[in-house]
PDB file of all heavy atoms in Angstrom:
ATOM      1  N   MET A   1      19.497  13.731 -13.167  1.00  0.00           N
ATOM      2  CA  MET A   1      20.486  13.307 -12.248  1.00  0.00           C
ATOM      3  C   MET A   1      20.882  14.527 -11.316  1.00  0.00           C
ATOM      4  O   MET A   1      21.143  15.585 -11.811  1.00  0.00           O
ATOM      5  CB  MET A   1      21.776  12.898 -13.039  1.00  0.00           C
ATOM      6  CG  MET A   1      22.933  12.479 -12.251  1.00  0.00           C
ATOM      7  SD  MET A   1      24.426  12.308 -13.264  1.00  0.00           S
ATOM      8  CE  MET A   1      23.765  11.524 -14.673  1.00  0.00           C
ATOM      9  N   GLU A   2      20.803  14.298 -10.046  1.00  0.00           N
ATOM     10  CA  GLU A   2      21.068  15.354  -9.060  1.00  0.00           C
ATOM     11  C   GLU A   2      22.512  15.269  -8.641  1.00  0.00           C
ATOM     12  O   GLU A   2      22.989  14.229  -8.299  1.00  0.00           O
ATOM     13  CB  GLU A   2      20.078  15.229  -7.891  1.00  0.00           C
ATOM     14  CG  GLU A   2      20.146  16.442  -6.994  1.00  0.00           C
ATOM     15  CD  GLU A   2      19.106  16.304  -5.888  1.00  0.00           C
ATOM     16  OE1 GLU A   2      18.164  15.455  -6.040  1.00  0.00           O
ATOM     17  OE2 GLU A   2      19.204  17.002  -4.875  1.00  0.00           O
ATOM     18  N   ARG A   3      23.168  16.433  -8.506  1.00  0.00           N
ATOM     19  CA  ARG A   3      24.534  16.490  -8.104  1.00  0.00           C
ATOM     20  C   ARG A   3      24.768  17.485  -7.077  1.00  0.00           C
ATOM     21  O   ARG A   3      24.059  18.431  -6.899  1.00  0.00           O
ATOM     22  CB  ARG A   3      25.484  16.745  -9.283  1.00  0.00           C
ATOM     23  CG  ARG A   3      25.244  15.817 -10.453  1.00  0.00           C
ATOM     24  CD  ARG A   3      26.098  16.186 -11.637  1.00  0.00           C
ATOM     25  NE  ARG A   3      25.833  15.260 -12.764  1.00  0.00           N
ATOM     26  CZ  ARG A   3      26.817  14.802 -13.547  1.00  0.00           C
ATOM     27  NH1 ARG A   3      28.024  15.105 -13.375  1.00  0.00           N
ATOM     28  NH2 ARG A   3      26.466  13.926 -14.538  1.00  0.00           N
ATOM     29  N   VAL A   4      25.861  17.323  -6.326  1.00  0.00           N
ATOM     30  CA  VAL A   4      26.340  18.365  -5.424  1.00  0.00           C
ATOM     31  C   VAL A   4      27.658  18.853  -5.898  1.00  0.00           C
ATOM     32  O   VAL A   4      28.596  18.158  -6.215  1.00  0.00           O
ATOM     33  CB  VAL A   4      26.497  17.758  -3.960  1.00  0.00           C
ATOM     34  CG1 VAL A   4      27.081  18.760  -3.055  1.00  0.00           C
ATOM     35  CG2 VAL A   4      25.161  17.220  -3.481  1.00  0.00           C
ATOM     36  N   ASN A   5      27.752  20.269  -6.039  1.00  0.00           N
ATOM     37  CA  ASN A   5      28.928  20.887  -6.566  1.00  0.00           C
ATOM     38  C   ASN A   5      29.236  20.348  -7.967  1.00  0.00           C
ATOM     39  O   ASN A   5      30.382  20.228  -8.377  1.00  0.00           O
ATOM     40  CB  ASN A   5      30.187  20.671  -5.694  1.00  0.00           C
ATOM     41  CG  ASN A   5      30.000  21.314  -4.328  1.00  0.00           C
ATOM     42  OD1 ASN A   5      29.316  22.367  -4.222  1.00  0.00           O
ATOM     43  ND2 ASN A   5      30.566  20.717  -3.285  1.00  0.00           N
ATOM     44  N   SER A   6      28.180  19.969  -8.691  1.00  0.00           N
ATOM     45  CA  SER A   6      28.250  19.462 -10.118  1.00  0.00           C
ATOM     46  C   SER A   6      29.017  18.156 -10.228  1.00  0.00           C
ATOM     47  O   SER A   6      29.410  17.801 -11.287  1.00  0.00           O
ATOM     48  CB  SER A   6      28.882  20.542 -11.010  1.00  0.00           C
ATOM     49  OG  SER A   6      28.169  21.788 -10.953  1.00  0.00           O
ATOM     50  N   THR A   7      29.324  17.508  -9.101  1.00  0.00           N
ATOM     51  CA  THR A   7      30.105  16.296  -9.245  1.00  0.00           C
ATOM     52  C   THR A   7      29.451  15.098  -8.509  1.00  0.00           C
ATOM     53  O   THR A   7      29.290  13.998  -9.046  1.00  0.00           O
ATOM     54  CB  THR A   7      31.524  16.438  -8.765  1.00  0.00           C
ATOM     55  OG1 THR A   7      31.484  16.958  -7.418  1.00  0.00           O
ATOM     56  CG2 THR A   7      32.276  17.448  -9.613  1.00  0.00           C
ATOM     57  N   LEU A   8      29.154  15.271  -7.230  1.00  0.00           N
ATOM     58  CA  LEU A   8      28.765  14.140  -6.404  1.00  0.00           C
ATOM     59  C   LEU A   8      27.264  13.977  -6.338  1.00  0.00           C
ATOM     60  O   LEU A   8      26.482  14.917  -6.222  1.00  0.00           O
ATOM     61  CB  LEU A   8      29.314  14.330  -4.976  1.00  0.00           C
ATOM     62  CG  LEU A   8      30.800  14.427  -4.882  1.00  0.00           C
ATOM     63  CD1 LEU A   8      31.251  14.595  -3.439  1.00  0.00           C
ATOM     64  CD2 LEU A   8      31.500  13.253  -5.540  1.00  0.00           C
ATOM     65  N   LEU A   9      26.813  12.743  -6.452  1.00  0.00           N
ATOM     66  CA  LEU A   9      25.361  12.389  -6.399  1.00  0.00           C
ATOM     67  C   LEU A   9      24.808  12.544  -4.979  1.00  0.00           C
ATOM     68  O   LEU A   9      25.531  12.319  -4.016  1.00  0.00           O
ATOM     69  CB  LEU A   9      25.138  11.019  -6.879  1.00  0.00           C
ATOM     70  CG  LEU A   9      25.556  10.619  -8.321  1.00  0.00           C
ATOM     71  CD1 LEU A   9      25.427   9.153  -8.543  1.00  0.00           C
ATOM     72  CD2 LEU A   9      24.668  11.401  -9.317  1.00  0.00           C
ATOM     73  N   THR A  10      23.566  12.940  -4.905  1.00  0.00           N
ATOM     74  CA  THR A  10      22.909  12.972  -3.603  1.00  0.00           C
ATOM     75  C   THR A  10      21.785  11.946  -3.506  1.00  0.00           C
ATOM     76  O   THR A  10      21.180  11.808  -2.488  1.00  0.00           O
ATOM     77  CB  THR A  10      22.343  14.377  -3.327  1.00  0.00           C
ATOM     78  OG1 THR A  10      21.352  14.697  -4.357  1.00  0.00           O
ATOM     79  CG2 THR A  10      23.408  15.444  -3.332  1.00  0.00           C
ATOM     80  N   GLU A  11      21.505  11.267  -4.621  1.00  0.00           N
ATOM     81  CA  GLU A  11      20.482  10.277  -4.634  1.00  0.00           C
ATOM     82  C   GLU A  11      20.734   9.247  -5.689  1.00  0.00           C
ATOM     83  O   GLU A  11      21.498   9.488  -6.641  1.00  0.00           O
ATOM     84  CB  GLU A  11      19.090  10.861  -4.779  1.00  0.00           C
ATOM     85  CG  GLU A  11      18.867  11.488  -6.147  1.00  0.00           C
ATOM     86  CD  GLU A  11      17.509  12.138  -6.312  1.00  0.00           C
ATOM     87  OE1 GLU A  11      16.912  12.517  -5.290  1.00  0.00           O
ATOM     88  OE2 GLU A  11      17.001  12.177  -7.434  1.00  0.00           O
ATOM     89  N   PHE A  12      20.138   8.067  -5.550  1.00  0.00           N
ATOM     90  CA  PHE A  12      20.193   7.007  -6.550  1.00  0.00           C
ATOM     91  C   PHE A  12      18.797   6.611  -6.944  1.00  0.00           C
ATOM     92  O   PHE A  12      17.892   6.814  -6.204  1.00  0.00           O
ATOM     93  CB  PHE A  12      20.920   5.759  -5.938  1.00  0.00           C
ATOM     94  CG  PHE A  12      22.397   5.985  -5.617  1.00  0.00           C
ATOM     95  CD1 PHE A  12      22.760   6.297  -4.354  1.00  0.00           C
ATOM     96  CD2 PHE A  12      23.352   5.911  -6.610  1.00  0.00           C
ATOM     97  CE1 PHE A  12      24.084   6.483  -4.046  1.00  0.00           C
ATOM     98  CE2 PHE A  12      24.713   6.118  -6.334  1.00  0.00           C
ATOM     99  CZ  PHE A  12      25.054   6.434  -5.028  1.00  0.00           C
ATOM    100  N   ILE A  13      18.719   6.010  -8.112  1.00  0.00           N
ATOM    101  CA  ILE A  13      17.429   5.461  -8.573  1.00  0.00           C
ATOM    102  C   ILE A  13      17.627   3.954  -8.759  1.00  0.00           C
ATOM    103  O   ILE A  13      18.471   3.505  -9.521  1.00  0.00           O
ATOM    104  CB  ILE A  13      17.021   6.128  -9.939  1.00  0.00           C
ATOM    105  CG1 ILE A  13      16.737   7.566  -9.725  1.00  0.00           C
ATOM    106  CG2 ILE A  13      15.764   5.385 -10.488  1.00  0.00           C
ATOM    107  CD1 ILE A  13      16.466   8.322 -11.042  1.00  0.00           C
ATOM    108  N   LEU A  14      16.811   3.187  -7.963  1.00  0.00           N
ATOM    109  CA  LEU A  14      16.893   1.762  -8.069  1.00  0.00           C
ATOM    110  C   LEU A  14      15.941   1.302  -9.225  1.00  0.00           C
ATOM    111  O   LEU A  14      14.775   1.537  -9.242  1.00  0.00           O
ATOM    112  CB  LEU A  14      16.439   1.108  -6.769  1.00  0.00           C
ATOM    113  CG  LEU A  14      17.221   1.521  -5.534  1.00  0.00           C
ATOM    114  CD1 LEU A  14      16.573   0.932  -4.268  1.00  0.00           C
ATOM    115  CD2 LEU A  14      18.689   1.089  -5.635  1.00  0.00           C
ATOM    116  N   THR A  15      16.598   0.631 -10.225  1.00  0.00           N
ATOM    117  CA  THR A  15      15.829   0.172 -11.393  1.00  0.00           C
ATOM    118  C   THR A  15      14.878  -0.974 -11.024  1.00  0.00           C
ATOM    119  O   THR A  15      13.921  -1.256 -11.768  1.00  0.00           O
ATOM    120  CB  THR A  15      16.728  -0.181 -12.559  1.00  0.00           C
ATOM    121  OG1 THR A  15      17.558  -1.272 -12.152  1.00  0.00           O
ATOM    122  CG2 THR A  15      17.583   0.997 -12.951  1.00  0.00           C
ATOM    123  N   GLY A  16      15.192  -1.689  -9.948  1.00  0.00           N
ATOM    124  CA  GLY A  16      14.351  -2.772  -9.547  1.00  0.00           C
ATOM    125  C   GLY A  16      14.501  -4.008 -10.403  1.00  0.00           C
ATOM    126  O   GLY A  16      15.554  -4.182 -11.110  1.00  0.00           O
ATOM    127  N   ILE A  17      13.523  -4.879 -10.380  1.00  0.00           N
ATOM    128  CA  ILE A  17      13.552  -6.098 -11.218  1.00  0.00           C
ATOM    129  C   ILE A  17      12.637  -5.915 -12.445  1.00  0.00           C
ATOM    130  O   ILE A  17      11.571  -5.232 -12.336  1.00  0.00           O
ATOM    131  CB  ILE A  17      13.157  -7.329 -10.429  1.00  0.00           C
ATOM    132  CG1 ILE A  17      11.736  -7.145  -9.851  1.00  0.00           C
ATOM    133  CG2 ILE A  17      14.147  -7.611  -9.314  1.00  0.00           C
ATOM    134  CD1 ILE A  17      11.258  -8.357  -9.048  1.00  0.00           C
ATOM    135  N   THR A  18      13.004  -6.459 -13.541  1.00  0.00           N
ATOM    136  CA  THR A  18      12.197  -6.361 -14.739  1.00  0.00           C
ATOM    137  C   THR A  18      10.965  -7.277 -14.643  1.00  0.00           C
ATOM    138  O   THR A  18      11.035  -8.373 -14.113  1.00  0.00           O
ATOM    139  CB  THR A  18      12.940  -6.660 -15.983  1.00  0.00           C
ATOM    140  OG1 THR A  18      13.523  -8.047 -15.837  1.00  0.00           O
ATOM    141  CG2 THR A  18      14.124  -5.706 -16.175  1.00  0.00           C
ATOM    142  N   TYR A  19       9.836  -6.818 -15.146  1.00  0.00           N
ATOM    143  CA  TYR A  19       8.599  -7.549 -15.063  1.00  0.00           C
ATOM    144  C   TYR A  19       7.635  -7.045 -16.093  1.00  0.00           C
ATOM    145  O   TYR A  19       7.688  -5.836 -16.518  1.00  0.00           O
ATOM    146  CB  TYR A  19       7.944  -7.417 -13.640  1.00  0.00           C
ATOM    147  CG  TYR A  19       7.575  -5.992 -13.276  1.00  0.00           C
ATOM    148  CD1 TYR A  19       6.288  -5.541 -13.555  1.00  0.00           C
ATOM    149  CD2 TYR A  19       8.475  -5.116 -12.747  1.00  0.00           C
ATOM    150  CE1 TYR A  19       5.955  -4.238 -13.268  1.00  0.00           C
ATOM    151  CE2 TYR A  19       8.138  -3.819 -12.450  1.00  0.00           C
ATOM    152  CZ  TYR A  19       6.859  -3.385 -12.760  1.00  0.00           C
ATOM    153  OH  TYR A  19       6.509  -2.103 -12.452  1.00  0.00           O
ATOM    154  N   PRO A  20       6.680  -7.895 -16.548  1.00  0.00           N
ATOM    155  CA  PRO A  20       5.629  -7.448 -17.486  1.00  0.00           C
ATOM    156  C   PRO A  20       4.755  -6.440 -16.798  1.00  0.00           C
ATOM    157  O   PRO A  20       4.312  -6.629 -15.626  1.00  0.00           O
ATOM    158  CB  PRO A  20       4.920  -8.748 -17.846  1.00  0.00           C
ATOM    159  CG  PRO A  20       5.832  -9.841 -17.455  1.00  0.00           C
ATOM    160  CD  PRO A  20       6.600  -9.309 -16.306  1.00  0.00           C
ATOM    161  N   LEU A  21       4.394  -5.344 -17.426  1.00  0.00           N
ATOM    162  CA  LEU A  21       3.589  -4.363 -16.808  1.00  0.00           C
ATOM    163  C   LEU A  21       2.205  -4.844 -16.369  1.00  0.00           C
ATOM    164  O   LEU A  21       1.644  -4.344 -15.387  1.00  0.00           O
ATOM    165  CB  LEU A  21       3.347  -3.166 -17.824  1.00  0.00           C
ATOM    166  CG  LEU A  21       4.528  -2.275 -18.045  1.00  0.00           C
ATOM    167  CD1 LEU A  21       4.240  -1.205 -19.079  1.00  0.00           C
ATOM    168  CD2 LEU A  21       5.054  -1.649 -16.753  1.00  0.00           C
ATOM    169  N   ARG A  22       1.694  -5.872 -17.019  1.00  0.00           N
ATOM    170  CA  ARG A  22       0.379  -6.428 -16.646  1.00  0.00           C
ATOM    171  C   ARG A  22       0.391  -7.068 -15.302  1.00  0.00           C
ATOM    172  O   ARG A  22      -0.631  -7.365 -14.682  1.00  0.00           O
ATOM    173  CB  ARG A  22      -0.147  -7.386 -17.741  1.00  0.00           C
ATOM    174  CG  ARG A  22       0.683  -8.614 -17.905  1.00  0.00           C
ATOM    175  CD  ARG A  22       0.093  -9.568 -18.944  1.00  0.00           C
ATOM    176  NE  ARG A  22       0.886 -10.811 -19.090  1.00  0.00           N
ATOM    177  CZ  ARG A  22       1.962 -10.950 -19.824  1.00  0.00           C
ATOM    178  NH1 ARG A  22       2.447  -9.900 -20.478  1.00  0.00           N
ATOM    179  NH2 ARG A  22       2.606 -12.063 -19.868  1.00  0.00           N
ATOM    180  N   LEU A  23       1.630  -7.420 -14.826  1.00  0.00           N
ATOM    181  CA  LEU A  23       1.787  -8.071 -13.578  1.00  0.00           C
ATOM    182  C   LEU A  23       2.087  -7.108 -12.413  1.00  0.00           C
ATOM    183  O   LEU A  23       2.343  -7.515 -11.273  1.00  0.00           O
ATOM    184  CB  LEU A  23       2.885  -9.133 -13.608  1.00  0.00           C
ATOM    185  CG  LEU A  23       2.620 -10.317 -14.561  1.00  0.00           C
ATOM    186  CD1 LEU A  23       3.814 -11.260 -14.513  1.00  0.00           C
ATOM    187  CD2 LEU A  23       1.354 -11.061 -14.208  1.00  0.00           C
ATOM    188  N   ARG A  24       2.109  -5.785 -12.708  1.00  0.00           N
ATOM    189  CA  ARG A  24       2.504  -4.783 -11.694  1.00  0.00           C
ATOM    190  C   ARG A  24       1.675  -4.927 -10.387  1.00  0.00           C
ATOM    191  O   ARG A  24       2.224  -5.075  -9.307  1.00  0.00           O
ATOM    192  CB  ARG A  24       2.298  -3.372 -12.249  1.00  0.00           C
ATOM    193  CG  ARG A  24       2.712  -2.301 -11.267  1.00  0.00           C
ATOM    194  CD  ARG A  24       2.142  -0.979 -11.681  1.00  0.00           C
ATOM    195  NE  ARG A  24       2.647  -0.567 -12.981  1.00  0.00           N
ATOM    196  CZ  ARG A  24       3.744   0.197 -13.260  1.00  0.00           C
ATOM    197  NH1 ARG A  24       4.435   0.569 -12.177  1.00  0.00           N
ATOM    198  NH2 ARG A  24       4.086   0.481 -14.452  1.00  0.00           N
ATOM    199  N   THR A  25       0.333  -4.963 -10.479  1.00  0.00           N
ATOM    200  CA  THR A  25      -0.499  -5.058  -9.294  1.00  0.00           C
ATOM    201  C   THR A  25      -0.317  -6.374  -8.620  1.00  0.00           C
ATOM    202  O   THR A  25      -0.262  -6.465  -7.370  1.00  0.00           O
ATOM    203  CB  THR A  25      -2.001  -4.860  -9.677  1.00  0.00           C
ATOM    204  OG1 THR A  25      -2.134  -3.559 -10.356  1.00  0.00           O
ATOM    205  CG2 THR A  25      -2.851  -4.888  -8.444  1.00  0.00           C
ATOM    206  N   PHE A  26      -0.261  -7.458  -9.390  1.00  0.00           N
ATOM    207  CA  PHE A  26      -0.080  -8.789  -8.799  1.00  0.00           C
ATOM    208  C   PHE A  26       1.164  -8.834  -7.977  1.00  0.00           C
ATOM    209  O   PHE A  26       1.203  -9.389  -6.853  1.00  0.00           O
ATOM    210  CB  PHE A  26      -0.068  -9.858  -9.911  1.00  0.00           C
ATOM    211  CG  PHE A  26       0.353 -11.215  -9.409  1.00  0.00           C
ATOM    212  CD1 PHE A  26      -0.516 -12.044  -8.674  1.00  0.00           C
ATOM    213  CD2 PHE A  26       1.671 -11.648  -9.624  1.00  0.00           C
ATOM    214  CE1 PHE A  26      -0.053 -13.272  -8.164  1.00  0.00           C
ATOM    215  CE2 PHE A  26       2.069 -12.879  -9.177  1.00  0.00           C
ATOM    216  CZ  PHE A  26       1.217 -13.658  -8.432  1.00  0.00           C
ATOM    217  N   LEU A  27       2.306  -8.407  -8.558  1.00  0.00           N
ATOM    218  CA  LEU A  27       3.600  -8.426  -7.894  1.00  0.00           C
ATOM    219  C   LEU A  27       3.620  -7.593  -6.620  1.00  0.00           C
ATOM    220  O   LEU A  27       4.202  -7.951  -5.593  1.00  0.00           O
ATOM    221  CB  LEU A  27       4.721  -8.049  -8.803  1.00  0.00           C
ATOM    222  CG  LEU A  27       5.027  -9.054  -9.954  1.00  0.00           C
ATOM    223  CD1 LEU A  27       5.984  -8.437 -10.954  1.00  0.00           C
ATOM    224  CD2 LEU A  27       5.543 -10.337  -9.354  1.00  0.00           C
ATOM    225  N   PHE A  28       2.951  -6.400  -6.704  1.00  0.00           N
ATOM    226  CA  PHE A  28       2.927  -5.527  -5.520  1.00  0.00           C
ATOM    227  C   PHE A  28       2.174  -6.250  -4.355  1.00  0.00           C
ATOM    228  O   PHE A  28       2.619  -6.278  -3.228  1.00  0.00           O
ATOM    229  CB  PHE A  28       2.162  -4.245  -5.871  1.00  0.00           C
ATOM    230  CG  PHE A  28       2.052  -3.297  -4.674  1.00  0.00           C
ATOM    231  CD1 PHE A  28       3.059  -2.472  -4.367  1.00  0.00           C
ATOM    232  CD2 PHE A  28       0.915  -3.338  -3.876  1.00  0.00           C
ATOM    233  CE1 PHE A  28       2.952  -1.544  -3.277  1.00  0.00           C
ATOM    234  CE2 PHE A  28       0.820  -2.476  -2.757  1.00  0.00           C
ATOM    235  CZ  PHE A  28       1.875  -1.617  -2.480  1.00  0.00           C
ATOM    236  N   VAL A  29       0.995  -6.841  -4.677  1.00  0.00           N
ATOM    237  CA  VAL A  29       0.204  -7.551  -3.675  1.00  0.00           C
ATOM    238  C   VAL A  29       0.966  -8.791  -3.189  1.00  0.00           C
ATOM    239  O   VAL A  29       0.951  -9.094  -1.959  1.00  0.00           O
ATOM    240  CB  VAL A  29      -1.165  -7.951  -4.252  1.00  0.00           C
ATOM    241  CG1 VAL A  29      -1.901  -8.850  -3.247  1.00  0.00           C
ATOM    242  CG2 VAL A  29      -1.958  -6.712  -4.576  1.00  0.00           C
ATOM    243  N   PHE A  30       1.684  -9.489  -4.098  1.00  0.00           N
ATOM    244  CA  PHE A  30       2.383 -10.682  -3.721  1.00  0.00           C
ATOM    245  C   PHE A  30       3.485 -10.369  -2.718  1.00  0.00           C
ATOM    246  O   PHE A  30       3.579 -11.007  -1.681  1.00  0.00           O
ATOM    247  CB  PHE A  30       3.029 -11.324  -4.983  1.00  0.00           C
ATOM    248  CG  PHE A  30       3.964 -12.453  -4.722  1.00  0.00           C
ATOM    249  CD1 PHE A  30       3.470 -13.703  -4.389  1.00  0.00           C
ATOM    250  CD2 PHE A  30       5.331 -12.315  -4.778  1.00  0.00           C
ATOM    251  CE1 PHE A  30       4.287 -14.779  -4.122  1.00  0.00           C
ATOM    252  CE2 PHE A  30       6.169 -13.357  -4.521  1.00  0.00           C
ATOM    253  CZ  PHE A  30       5.664 -14.593  -4.187  1.00  0.00           C
ATOM    254  N   PHE A  31       4.311  -9.324  -2.950  1.00  0.00           N
ATOM    255  CA  PHE A  31       5.398  -9.055  -2.070  1.00  0.00           C
ATOM    256  C   PHE A  31       4.844  -8.330  -0.819  1.00  0.00           C
ATOM    257  O   PHE A  31       5.478  -8.487   0.319  1.00  0.00           O
ATOM    258  CB  PHE A  31       6.456  -8.149  -2.786  1.00  0.00           C
ATOM    259  CG  PHE A  31       7.365  -8.923  -3.652  1.00  0.00           C
ATOM    260  CD1 PHE A  31       7.227  -8.841  -5.004  1.00  0.00           C
ATOM    261  CD2 PHE A  31       8.364  -9.729  -3.073  1.00  0.00           C
ATOM    262  CE1 PHE A  31       8.071  -9.564  -5.838  1.00  0.00           C
ATOM    263  CE2 PHE A  31       9.176 -10.467  -3.942  1.00  0.00           C
ATOM    264  CZ  PHE A  31       9.043 -10.384  -5.331  1.00  0.00           C
ATOM    265  N   LEU A  32       3.724  -7.680  -0.911  1.00  0.00           N
ATOM    266  CA  LEU A  32       3.092  -7.140   0.334  1.00  0.00           C
ATOM    267  C   LEU A  32       2.725  -8.302   1.253  1.00  0.00           C
ATOM    268  O   LEU A  32       2.921  -8.247   2.460  1.00  0.00           O
ATOM    269  CB  LEU A  32       1.899  -6.281  -0.033  1.00  0.00           C
ATOM    270  CG  LEU A  32       1.057  -5.748   1.163  1.00  0.00           C
ATOM    271  CD1 LEU A  32       1.896  -4.821   2.006  1.00  0.00           C
ATOM    272  CD2 LEU A  32      -0.167  -4.975   0.656  1.00  0.00           C
ATOM    273  N   LEU A  33       2.075  -9.331   0.672  1.00  0.00           N
ATOM    274  CA  LEU A  33       1.657 -10.498   1.490  1.00  0.00           C
ATOM    275  C   LEU A  33       2.918 -11.213   1.966  1.00  0.00           C
ATOM    276  O   LEU A  33       2.943 -11.644   3.191  1.00  0.00           O
ATOM    277  CB  LEU A  33       0.855 -11.462   0.634  1.00  0.00           C
ATOM    278  CG  LEU A  33      -0.561 -10.999   0.266  1.00  0.00           C
ATOM    279  CD1 LEU A  33      -1.183 -11.969  -0.695  1.00  0.00           C
ATOM    280  CD2 LEU A  33      -1.393 -10.785   1.553  1.00  0.00           C
ATOM    281  N   ILE A  34       3.968 -11.292   1.204  1.00  0.00           N
ATOM    282  CA  ILE A  34       5.223 -11.991   1.650  1.00  0.00           C
ATOM    283  C   ILE A  34       5.766 -11.187   2.852  1.00  0.00           C
ATOM    284  O   ILE A  34       6.169 -11.777   3.893  1.00  0.00           O
ATOM    285  CB  ILE A  34       6.290 -11.950   0.543  1.00  0.00           C
ATOM    286  CG1 ILE A  34       5.902 -13.004  -0.556  1.00  0.00           C
ATOM    287  CG2 ILE A  34       7.683 -12.250   1.085  1.00  0.00           C
ATOM    288  CD1 ILE A  34       6.110 -14.448  -0.093  1.00  0.00           C
ATOM    289  N   TYR A  35       5.702  -9.876   2.797  1.00  0.00           N
ATOM    290  CA  TYR A  35       6.284  -9.057   3.888  1.00  0.00           C
ATOM    291  C   TYR A  35       5.428  -9.150   5.156  1.00  0.00           C
ATOM    292  O   TYR A  35       5.952  -9.427   6.252  1.00  0.00           O
ATOM    293  CB  TYR A  35       6.262  -7.556   3.463  1.00  0.00           C
ATOM    294  CG  TYR A  35       6.815  -6.668   4.548  1.00  0.00           C
ATOM    295  CD1 TYR A  35       8.144  -6.670   4.957  1.00  0.00           C
ATOM    296  CD2 TYR A  35       5.924  -5.789   5.212  1.00  0.00           C
ATOM    297  CE1 TYR A  35       8.575  -5.855   5.953  1.00  0.00           C
ATOM    298  CE2 TYR A  35       6.371  -4.947   6.233  1.00  0.00           C
ATOM    299  CZ  TYR A  35       7.733  -4.956   6.547  1.00  0.00           C
ATOM    300  OH  TYR A  35       8.148  -4.185   7.589  1.00  0.00           O
ATOM    301  N   ILE A  36       4.099  -9.103   4.993  1.00  0.00           N
ATOM    302  CA  ILE A  36       3.178  -9.238   6.138  1.00  0.00           C
ATOM    303  C   ILE A  36       3.350 -10.576   6.809  1.00  0.00           C
ATOM    304  O   ILE A  36       3.448 -10.698   8.045  1.00  0.00           O
ATOM    305  CB  ILE A  36       1.764  -8.951   5.764  1.00  0.00           C
ATOM    306  CG1 ILE A  36       1.591  -7.467   5.355  1.00  0.00           C
ATOM    307  CG2 ILE A  36       0.790  -9.266   6.876  1.00  0.00           C
ATOM    308  CD1 ILE A  36       0.239  -7.149   4.801  1.00  0.00           C
ATOM    309  N   LEU A  37       3.317 -11.631   5.966  1.00  0.00           N
ATOM    310  CA  LEU A  37       3.435 -13.009   6.521  1.00  0.00           C
ATOM    311  C   LEU A  37       4.805 -13.281   7.148  1.00  0.00           C
ATOM    312  O   LEU A  37       4.874 -14.025   8.123  1.00  0.00           O
ATOM    313  CB  LEU A  37       3.151 -14.011   5.384  1.00  0.00           C
ATOM    314  CG  LEU A  37       1.688 -14.045   4.919  1.00  0.00           C
ATOM    315  CD1 LEU A  37       1.565 -15.002   3.699  1.00  0.00           C
ATOM    316  CD2 LEU A  37       0.727 -14.443   6.032  1.00  0.00           C
ATOM    317  N   THR A  38       5.873 -12.667   6.584  1.00  0.00           N
ATOM    318  CA  THR A  38       7.184 -12.792   7.189  1.00  0.00           C
ATOM    319  C   THR A  38       7.205 -12.234   8.563  1.00  0.00           C
ATOM    320  O   THR A  38       7.741 -12.840   9.540  1.00  0.00           O
ATOM    321  CB  THR A  38       8.235 -12.103   6.286  1.00  0.00           C
ATOM    322  OG1 THR A  38       8.313 -12.742   5.001  1.00  0.00           O
ATOM    323  CG2 THR A  38       9.608 -12.101   6.929  1.00  0.00           C
ATOM    324  N   GLN A  39       6.659 -10.978   8.705  1.00  0.00           N
ATOM    325  CA  GLN A  39       6.668 -10.325  10.040  1.00  0.00           C
ATOM    326  C   GLN A  39       5.813 -11.122  11.015  1.00  0.00           C
ATOM    327  O   GLN A  39       6.210 -11.381  12.173  1.00  0.00           O
ATOM    328  CB  GLN A  39       6.128  -8.910   9.864  1.00  0.00           C
ATOM    329  CG  GLN A  39       6.891  -8.005   8.997  1.00  0.00           C
ATOM    330  CD  GLN A  39       8.383  -7.890   9.345  1.00  0.00           C
ATOM    331  OE1 GLN A  39       8.662  -7.603  10.514  1.00  0.00           O
ATOM    332  NE2 GLN A  39       9.344  -8.105   8.440  1.00  0.00           N
TER     333      GLN A  39
END
């Protein structure tokens, strides 16, 4: 955890959505296609 003056955060970590690890590549490609087709 990173802090400024030992109190205030300078960054956050987004935990994202939970998913089975075996679907990591599929979900990346899926949302990449969703993004490209949306644009």
